[in-house]
Amino acid sequence: MTRPSRHVTMLSVAAVLATRSTCSRRQVGCVLTDKYGRILATGHNGVPMSMPHCTDSPCPGSGLPSGTGLDTCGAVHAETNALMFCPDIMKIETCYVTASPCVACCKSLLNSSCQRIIFLEEYPHPEARELWTKAGRKWLKL
């Protein structure tokens, strides 16, 4: 048996985290790691604590296509949840996420030491990649 790469392993962890999502539009998982590949924090998308889950009580954005109407969607994005629980955002080197970040999440990640985003699926916000790479950081689809 071949040992999976660190990227494959962390994206697999992110994919498992995504199964915890209660968003009716898209399930996303995120893993933040340091320069040694150790996990600093994890997150998945879903409504704020103590709010009804969209899978039980759909939010106003639940019927819209993924990537649109983000202001009407009740979910906090996986990257934001991971950043909120990260003990030191200045130790982040890599963000592993099942879907590439939106513009707002890229802005938040740019305020950390994160140098690369590695993802499985491209989110429909090409402006996010432009913003990230303009800052000289790596954007990689696995």
Protein backbone atom coordinates (compact mmCIF):
# COMPACT_ATOMS: atom_id res chain seq x y z
CA MET A 1 0.00 0.00 0.00
CA THR A 2 1.27 3.45 -0.92
CA ARG A 3 1.31 6.10 1.78
CA PRO A 4 -0.91 9.05 0.77
CA SER A 5 0.74 12.45 0.44
CA ARG A 6 0.19 15.13 3.09
CA HIS A 7 -2.02 17.04 0.63
CA VAL A 8 -4.22 14.02 -0.02
CA THR A 9 -4.44 13.27 3.69
CA MET A 10 -5.41 16.80 4.70
CA LEU A 11 -7.95 17.10 1.89
CA SER A 12 -9.42 13.78 3.03
CA VAL A 13 -9.78 15.22 6.54
CA ALA A 14 -11.45 18.32 5.05
CA ALA A 15 -13.84 16.10 3.08
CA VAL A 16 -14.86 14.26 6.25
CA LEU A 17 -15.40 17.59 8.03
CA ALA A 18 -17.64 18.70 5.15
CA THR A 19 -20.06 15.91 6.02
CA ARG A 20 -20.83 17.82 9.25
CA SER A 21 -22.16 20.79 7.25
CA THR A 22 -25.83 21.67 7.58
CA CYS A 23 -25.90 24.00 4.56
CA SER A 24 -28.47 22.92 2.01
CA ARG A 25 -26.45 24.34 -0.93
CA ARG A 26 -22.89 23.09 -0.47
CA GLN A 27 -20.91 21.15 2.11
CA VAL A 28 -17.38 22.47 2.70
CA GLY A 29 -14.61 21.40 5.08
CA CYS A 30 -11.37 23.21 5.91
CA VAL A 31 -8.11 22.25 7.62
CA LEU A 32 -5.44 24.82 8.57
CA THR A 33 -1.91 23.50 9.04
CA ASP A 34 1.44 24.91 10.14
CA LYS A 35 4.79 24.65 8.33
CA TYR A 36 5.28 21.14 9.73
CA GLY A 37 1.94 19.91 8.41
CA ARG A 38 0.37 19.78 11.87
CA ILE A 39 -3.31 20.65 12.13
CA LEU A 40 -3.93 23.99 13.85
CA ALA A 41 -7.70 24.22 13.34
CA THR A 42 -10.59 22.80 11.38
CA GLY A 43 -13.98 24.04 10.27
CA HIS A 44 -17.04 23.27 8.21
CA ASN A 45 -19.75 25.55 6.90
CA GLY A 46 -23.04 25.99 8.70
CA VAL A 47 -25.21 28.48 10.53
CA PRO A 48 -23.98 30.30 13.64
CA MET A 49 -24.35 28.53 16.97
CA SER A 50 -27.90 28.31 18.32
CA MET A 51 -29.46 29.10 14.92
CA PRO A 52 -31.70 26.53 13.19
CA HIS A 53 -29.82 24.42 10.67
CA CYS A 54 -30.64 25.07 7.01
CA THR A 55 -31.25 21.36 6.50
CA ASP A 56 -34.09 21.65 9.08
CA SER A 57 -35.29 25.20 8.39
CA PRO A 58 -33.98 26.58 5.06
CA CYS A 59 -32.47 30.06 5.15
CA PRO A 60 -33.49 32.70 2.54
CA GLY A 61 -30.48 31.77 0.39
CA SER A 62 -31.08 28.03 0.37
CA GLY A 63 -32.75 27.95 -3.05
CA LEU A 64 -30.06 29.98 -4.81
CA PRO A 65 -27.19 28.45 -6.81
CA SER A 66 -23.99 27.90 -4.87
CA GLY A 67 -21.71 30.93 -5.01
CA THR A 68 -24.58 33.44 -5.34
CA GLY A 69 -26.60 35.37 -2.77
CA LEU A 70 -23.98 34.98 -0.08
CA ASP A 71 -25.54 37.79 1.98
CA THR A 72 -28.85 35.91 2.16
CA CYS A 73 -27.19 32.61 3.09
CA GLY A 74 -27.17 31.83 6.81
CA ALA A 75 -23.95 29.80 6.75
CA VAL A 76 -20.61 30.81 8.18
CA HIS A 77 -17.98 29.53 5.74
CA ALA A 78 -15.65 26.67 6.67
CA GLU A 79 -12.55 28.86 6.35
CA THR A 80 -14.03 31.48 8.70
CA ASN A 81 -14.97 28.84 11.25
CA ALA A 82 -11.45 27.39 11.11
CA LEU A 83 -9.86 30.84 11.49
CA MET A 84 -12.09 31.65 14.47
CA PHE A 85 -10.85 28.58 16.34
CA CYS A 86 -7.20 28.78 15.29
CA PRO A 87 -5.01 29.50 18.35
CA ASP A 88 -2.46 31.48 16.30
CA ILE A 89 -3.31 32.66 12.78
CA MET A 90 0.31 33.69 12.29
CA LYS A 91 1.38 30.03 12.30
CA ILE A 92 -0.87 29.02 9.38
CA GLU A 93 1.01 27.93 6.28
CA THR A 94 -1.59 25.98 4.33
CA CYS A 95 -5.36 26.05 4.03
CA TYR A 96 -6.80 22.76 2.77
CA VAL A 97 -10.40 23.17 1.69
CA THR A 98 -12.85 21.08 -0.30
CA ALA A 99 -13.96 24.09 -2.40
CA SER A 100 -11.69 27.05 -3.12
CA PRO A 101 -12.49 30.10 -0.95
CA CYS A 102 -14.79 32.97 -1.85
CA VAL A 103 -13.47 36.54 -1.98
CA ALA A 104 -14.42 37.29 1.65
CA CYS A 105 -12.64 34.18 2.93
CA CYS A 106 -9.56 35.01 0.85
CA LYS A 107 -9.45 38.45 2.44
CA SER A 108 -9.59 36.89 5.90
CA LEU A 109 -6.89 34.34 5.02
CA LEU A 110 -4.70 37.12 3.59
CA ASN A 111 -4.67 38.63 7.09
CA SER A 112 -2.98 35.47 8.35
CA SER A 113 0.41 33.96 7.51
CA CYS A 114 -1.25 31.41 5.17
CA GLN A 115 0.87 31.02 2.03
CA ARG A 116 -1.10 28.49 0.02
CA ILE A 117 -4.61 27.27 -0.53
CA ILE A 118 -5.02 23.69 -1.73
CA PHE A 119 -8.50 22.57 -2.76
CA LEU A 120 -10.49 19.89 -4.57
CA GLU A 121 -13.15 21.92 -6.38
CA GLU A 122 -13.15 25.45 -7.82
CA TYR A 123 -15.75 27.74 -6.23
CA PRO A 124 -17.45 30.11 -8.72
CA HIS A 125 -15.51 33.21 -7.62
CA PRO A 126 -12.56 33.72 -10.01
CA GLU A 127 -11.90 37.09 -8.33
CA ALA A 128 -10.80 35.20 -5.22
CA ARG A 129 -7.96 33.47 -7.06
CA GLU A 130 -6.89 36.78 -8.62
CA LEU A 131 -6.81 38.44 -5.19
CA TRP A 132 -4.84 35.56 -3.64
CA THR A 133 -2.25 35.21 -6.39
CA LYS A 134 -1.83 39.00 -6.68
CA ALA A 135 -0.56 38.84 -3.09
CA GLY A 136 2.10 36.36 -4.25
CA ARG A 137 0.53 33.33 -2.59
CA LYS A 138 -0.07 29.87 -4.05
CA TRP A 139 -3.46 28.63 -5.31
CA LEU A 140 -3.45 24.91 -6.08
CA LYS A 141 -6.18 22.55 -7.24
CA LEU A 142 -5.38 18.95 -6.38
